Amino acid sequence: MSSSREPVQVLMYGTTWCGDCARSKRFLESRSVPYEWINIEEVPEAAEIVRNLNHGKQIVPTILLPSGKVLAEPSDRELAEALDISA
């Protein structure tokens, strides 16, 4: 193992028109956190995943962390705390 920390693979479900999605993407990119972007308007089964994760509500962004923790519309601070990085 080359480093003590493995790269984080974050899944972010969202839409192109969502301001909170854009903010969360900027936050992750500014801290070099690898993530996979999934547009729920282009991937119909992703919208169903979002609803399942949020008890029937289609909330974006919905961010799934490697630990299994789900964040719905997190603030930058909430995202930083969940990823154990600086806000």
N, C-alpha and C. Protein backbone atom coordinates (compact mmCIF):
# COMPACT_ATOMS: atom_id res chain seq x y z
N MET A 1 0.86 -1.18 0.00
CA MET A 1 0.00 0.00 0.00
C MET A 1 0.90 1.24 0.00
N SER A 2 0.68 2.14 -0.92
CA SER A 2 1.56 3.28 -1.07
C SER A 2 1.26 4.44 -0.14
N SER A 3 0.05 4.53 0.37
CA SER A 3 -0.28 5.61 1.29
C SER A 3 -1.19 5.09 2.39
N SER A 4 -1.28 5.87 3.45
CA SER A 4 -2.11 5.44 4.57
C SER A 4 -3.59 5.66 4.31
N ARG A 5 -3.91 6.50 3.32
CA ARG A 5 -5.32 6.77 3.01
C ARG A 5 -5.63 6.35 1.59
N GLU A 6 -6.64 5.53 1.46
CA GLU A 6 -7.10 5.12 0.14
C GLU A 6 -7.91 6.26 -0.47
N PRO A 7 -7.91 6.38 -1.81
CA PRO A 7 -8.75 7.41 -2.43
C PRO A 7 -10.22 7.18 -2.07
N VAL A 8 -10.91 8.26 -1.83
CA VAL A 8 -12.33 8.20 -1.49
C VAL A 8 -13.12 8.14 -2.79
N GLN A 9 -14.03 7.19 -2.92
CA GLN A 9 -14.90 7.16 -4.08
C GLN A 9 -16.30 7.56 -3.61
N VAL A 10 -16.66 8.75 -3.95
CA VAL A 10 -17.94 9.33 -3.56
C VAL A 10 -18.86 9.26 -4.77
N LEU A 11 -20.12 8.92 -4.55
CA LEU A 11 -21.12 8.97 -5.61
C LEU A 11 -22.01 10.17 -5.34
N MET A 12 -22.14 11.03 -6.34
CA MET A 12 -23.01 12.20 -6.20
C MET A 12 -24.11 12.12 -7.25
N TYR A 13 -25.35 12.07 -6.77
CA TYR A 13 -26.52 12.06 -7.64
C TYR A 13 -27.08 13.47 -7.68
N GLY A 14 -27.34 13.98 -8.89
CA GLY A 14 -27.87 15.33 -8.98
C GLY A 14 -28.40 15.64 -10.36
N THR A 15 -28.60 16.93 -10.60
CA THR A 15 -29.08 17.44 -11.89
C THR A 15 -28.20 18.60 -12.31
N THR A 16 -28.23 18.93 -13.58
CA THR A 16 -27.40 20.03 -14.08
C THR A 16 -27.91 21.39 -13.64
N TRP A 17 -29.19 21.51 -13.34
CA TRP A 17 -29.78 22.81 -12.98
C TRP A 17 -29.74 23.09 -11.49
N CYS A 18 -29.27 22.17 -10.69
CA CYS A 18 -29.29 22.28 -9.23
C CYS A 18 -28.08 23.07 -8.72
N GLY A 19 -28.35 24.21 -8.10
CA GLY A 19 -27.27 25.04 -7.55
C GLY A 19 -26.50 24.36 -6.44
N ASP A 20 -27.19 23.62 -5.57
CA ASP A 20 -26.50 22.90 -4.50
C ASP A 20 -25.60 21.79 -5.05
N CYS A 21 -26.02 21.20 -6.16
CA CYS A 21 -25.19 20.17 -6.81
C CYS A 21 -23.90 20.80 -7.32
N ALA A 22 -24.01 21.95 -7.98
CA ALA A 22 -22.83 22.65 -8.49
C ALA A 22 -21.89 23.04 -7.35
N ARG A 23 -22.46 23.51 -6.24
CA ARG A 23 -21.64 23.91 -5.09
C ARG A 23 -20.91 22.70 -4.51
N SER A 24 -21.60 21.59 -4.36
CA SER A 24 -20.97 20.39 -3.81
C SER A 24 -19.88 19.86 -4.75
N LYS A 25 -20.12 19.92 -6.05
CA LYS A 25 -19.10 19.51 -7.01
C LYS A 25 -17.86 20.39 -6.89
N ARG A 26 -18.06 21.71 -6.81
CA ARG A 26 -16.93 22.63 -6.64
C ARG A 26 -16.16 22.33 -5.36
N PHE A 27 -16.89 22.06 -4.28
CA PHE A 27 -16.26 21.75 -3.01
C PHE A 27 -15.37 20.52 -3.13
N LEU A 28 -15.90 19.44 -3.68
CA LEU A 28 -15.13 18.21 -3.81
C LEU A 28 -13.92 18.41 -4.72
N GLU A 29 -14.12 19.10 -5.83
CA GLU A 29 -13.03 19.33 -6.77
C GLU A 29 -11.94 20.20 -6.15
N SER A 30 -12.33 21.20 -5.37
CA SER A 30 -11.34 22.10 -4.77
C SER A 30 -10.49 21.39 -3.73
N ARG A 31 -10.95 20.26 -3.23
CA ARG A 31 -10.21 19.49 -2.25
C ARG A 31 -9.69 18.18 -2.83
N SER A 32 -9.74 18.05 -4.14
CA SER A 32 -9.24 16.87 -4.87
C SER A 32 -9.83 15.57 -4.37
N VAL A 33 -11.12 15.60 -4.04
CA VAL A 33 -11.82 14.39 -3.62
C VAL A 33 -12.39 13.73 -4.88
N PRO A 34 -11.97 12.51 -5.18
CA PRO A 34 -12.54 11.83 -6.36
C PRO A 34 -14.01 11.49 -6.13
N TYR A 35 -14.79 11.73 -7.16
CA TYR A 35 -16.21 11.39 -7.06
C TYR A 35 -16.74 11.03 -8.43
N GLU A 36 -17.85 10.32 -8.41
CA GLU A 36 -18.55 9.99 -9.66
C GLU A 36 -19.84 10.77 -9.68
N TRP A 37 -20.06 11.52 -10.75
CA TRP A 37 -21.25 12.33 -10.93
C TRP A 37 -22.29 11.52 -11.70
N ILE A 38 -23.50 11.46 -11.18
CA ILE A 38 -24.58 10.73 -11.84
C ILE A 38 -25.77 11.67 -11.98
N ASN A 39 -26.09 12.01 -13.22
CA ASN A 39 -27.21 12.91 -13.51
C ASN A 39 -28.50 12.08 -13.52
N ILE A 40 -29.36 12.34 -12.54
CA ILE A 40 -30.58 11.53 -12.41
C ILE A 40 -31.58 11.78 -13.52
N GLU A 41 -31.40 12.86 -14.28
CA GLU A 41 -32.29 13.11 -15.42
C GLU A 41 -31.86 12.31 -16.64
N GLU A 42 -30.61 11.87 -16.67
CA GLU A 42 -30.12 11.06 -17.79
C GLU A 42 -30.10 9.58 -17.47
N VAL A 43 -30.12 9.25 -16.19
CA VAL A 43 -30.06 7.85 -15.76
C VAL A 43 -31.29 7.57 -14.89
N PRO A 44 -32.38 7.11 -15.52
CA PRO A 44 -33.64 6.94 -14.80
C PRO A 44 -33.53 6.07 -13.54
N GLU A 45 -32.72 5.01 -13.60
CA GLU A 45 -32.60 4.16 -12.41
C GLU A 45 -31.90 4.90 -11.26
N ALA A 46 -31.11 5.92 -11.58
CA ALA A 46 -30.45 6.72 -10.54
C ALA A 46 -31.48 7.53 -9.75
N ALA A 47 -32.50 8.04 -10.43
CA ALA A 47 -33.56 8.78 -9.74
C ALA A 47 -34.26 7.87 -8.74
N GLU A 48 -34.44 6.61 -9.10
CA GLU A 48 -35.06 5.65 -8.19
C GLU A 48 -34.15 5.38 -6.99
N ILE A 49 -32.86 5.28 -7.23
CA ILE A 49 -31.90 5.09 -6.14
C ILE A 49 -31.99 6.26 -5.16
N VAL A 50 -32.05 7.48 -5.69
CA VAL A 50 -32.14 8.68 -4.85
C VAL A 50 -33.40 8.62 -3.99
N ARG A 51 -34.51 8.28 -4.59
CA ARG A 51 -35.76 8.18 -3.82
C ARG A 51 -35.66 7.10 -2.74
N ASN A 52 -35.04 5.99 -3.06
CA ASN A 52 -34.88 4.91 -2.07
C ASN A 52 -33.98 5.36 -0.92
N LEU A 53 -32.93 6.08 -1.22
CA LEU A 53 -32.00 6.55 -0.18
C LEU A 53 -32.62 7.62 0.71
N ASN A 54 -33.61 8.36 0.17
CA ASN A 54 -34.21 9.48 0.88
C ASN A 54 -35.66 9.24 1.25
N HIS A 55 -36.01 7.99 1.51
CA HIS A 55 -37.35 7.65 2.00
C HIS A 55 -38.46 8.20 1.11
N GLY A 56 -38.28 8.03 -0.22
CA GLY A 56 -39.32 8.42 -1.17
C GLY A 56 -39.16 9.82 -1.75
N LYS A 57 -38.24 10.61 -1.22
CA LYS A 57 -38.05 11.98 -1.71
C LYS A 57 -36.90 12.04 -2.70
N GLN A 58 -37.09 12.82 -3.75
CA GLN A 58 -36.06 12.98 -4.77
C GLN A 58 -35.26 14.25 -4.45
N ILE A 59 -34.30 14.11 -3.57
CA ILE A 59 -33.49 15.23 -3.10
C ILE A 59 -32.14 15.22 -3.80
N VAL A 60 -31.75 16.37 -4.34
CA VAL A 60 -30.43 16.50 -4.96
C VAL A 60 -29.71 17.72 -4.38
N PRO A 61 -28.41 17.63 -4.20
CA PRO A 61 -27.64 16.42 -4.41
C PRO A 61 -27.86 15.41 -3.29
N THR A 62 -27.79 14.16 -3.67
CA THR A 62 -27.70 13.07 -2.71
C THR A 62 -26.31 12.49 -2.91
N ILE A 63 -25.56 12.44 -1.82
CA ILE A 63 -24.17 12.02 -1.89
C ILE A 63 -24.01 10.76 -1.04
N LEU A 64 -23.50 9.72 -1.68
CA LEU A 64 -23.27 8.44 -1.02
C LEU A 64 -21.78 8.29 -0.79
N LEU A 65 -21.40 8.15 0.47
CA LEU A 65 -19.99 8.02 0.84
C LEU A 65 -19.59 6.55 0.88
N PRO A 66 -18.28 6.27 0.76
CA PRO A 66 -17.82 4.88 0.79
C PRO A 66 -18.25 4.13 2.06
N SER A 67 -18.42 4.85 3.15
CA SER A 67 -18.85 4.24 4.41
C SER A 67 -20.30 3.79 4.37
N GLY A 68 -21.04 4.23 3.35
CA GLY A 68 -22.46 3.94 3.26
C GLY A 68 -23.33 5.08 3.75
N LYS A 69 -22.70 6.09 4.35
CA LYS A 69 -23.45 7.25 4.84
C LYS A 69 -24.03 8.01 3.65
N VAL A 70 -25.26 8.49 3.83
CA VAL A 70 -25.95 9.25 2.79
C VAL A 70 -26.14 10.68 3.27
N LEU A 71 -25.76 11.64 2.42
CA LEU A 71 -25.97 13.05 2.70
C LEU A 71 -26.92 13.61 1.66
N ALA A 72 -27.97 14.28 2.11
CA ALA A 72 -28.93 14.91 1.21
C ALA A 72 -28.83 16.41 1.38
N GLU A 73 -28.54 17.11 0.30
CA GLU A 73 -28.36 18.56 0.30
C GLU A 73 -27.42 19.02 1.42
N PRO A 74 -26.22 18.42 1.51
CA PRO A 74 -25.34 18.81 2.61
C PRO A 74 -24.71 20.18 2.37
N SER A 75 -24.43 20.87 3.47
CA SER A 75 -23.64 22.09 3.39
C SER A 75 -22.19 21.67 3.16
N ASP A 76 -21.34 22.63 2.80
CA ASP A 76 -19.93 22.31 2.64
C ASP A 76 -19.35 21.79 3.96
N ARG A 77 -19.77 22.39 5.05
CA ARG A 77 -19.28 21.96 6.36
C ARG A 77 -19.69 20.52 6.67
N GLU A 78 -20.94 20.17 6.40
CA GLU A 78 -21.41 18.81 6.63
C GLU A 78 -20.63 17.81 5.77
N LEU A 79 -20.38 18.20 4.53
CA LEU A 79 -19.63 17.33 3.62
C LEU A 79 -18.20 17.16 4.10
N ALA A 80 -17.57 18.25 4.53
CA ALA A 80 -16.20 18.19 5.04
C ALA A 80 -16.11 17.29 6.27
N GLU A 81 -17.05 17.44 7.19
CA GLU A 81 -17.06 16.62 8.40
C GLU A 81 -17.25 15.14 8.07
N ALA A 82 -18.14 14.85 7.14
CA ALA A 82 -18.40 13.45 6.76
C ALA A 82 -17.20 12.81 6.09
N LEU A 83 -16.42 13.63 5.38
CA LEU A 83 -15.24 13.12 4.67
C LEU A 83 -13.96 13.27 5.49
N ASP A 84 -14.08 13.91 6.66
CA ASP A 84 -12.93 14.15 7.53
C ASP A 84 -11.85 14.96 6.82
N ILE A 85 -12.30 16.06 6.18
CA ILE A 85 -11.38 17.00 5.52
C ILE A 85 -11.72 18.40 5.99
N SER A 86 -10.88 19.35 5.64
CA SER A 86 -11.14 20.73 6.09
C SER A 86 -12.19 21.39 5.22
N ALA A 87 -13.01 22.21 5.86
CA ALA A 87 -14.03 22.97 5.14
C ALA A 87 -13.38 24.17 4.59
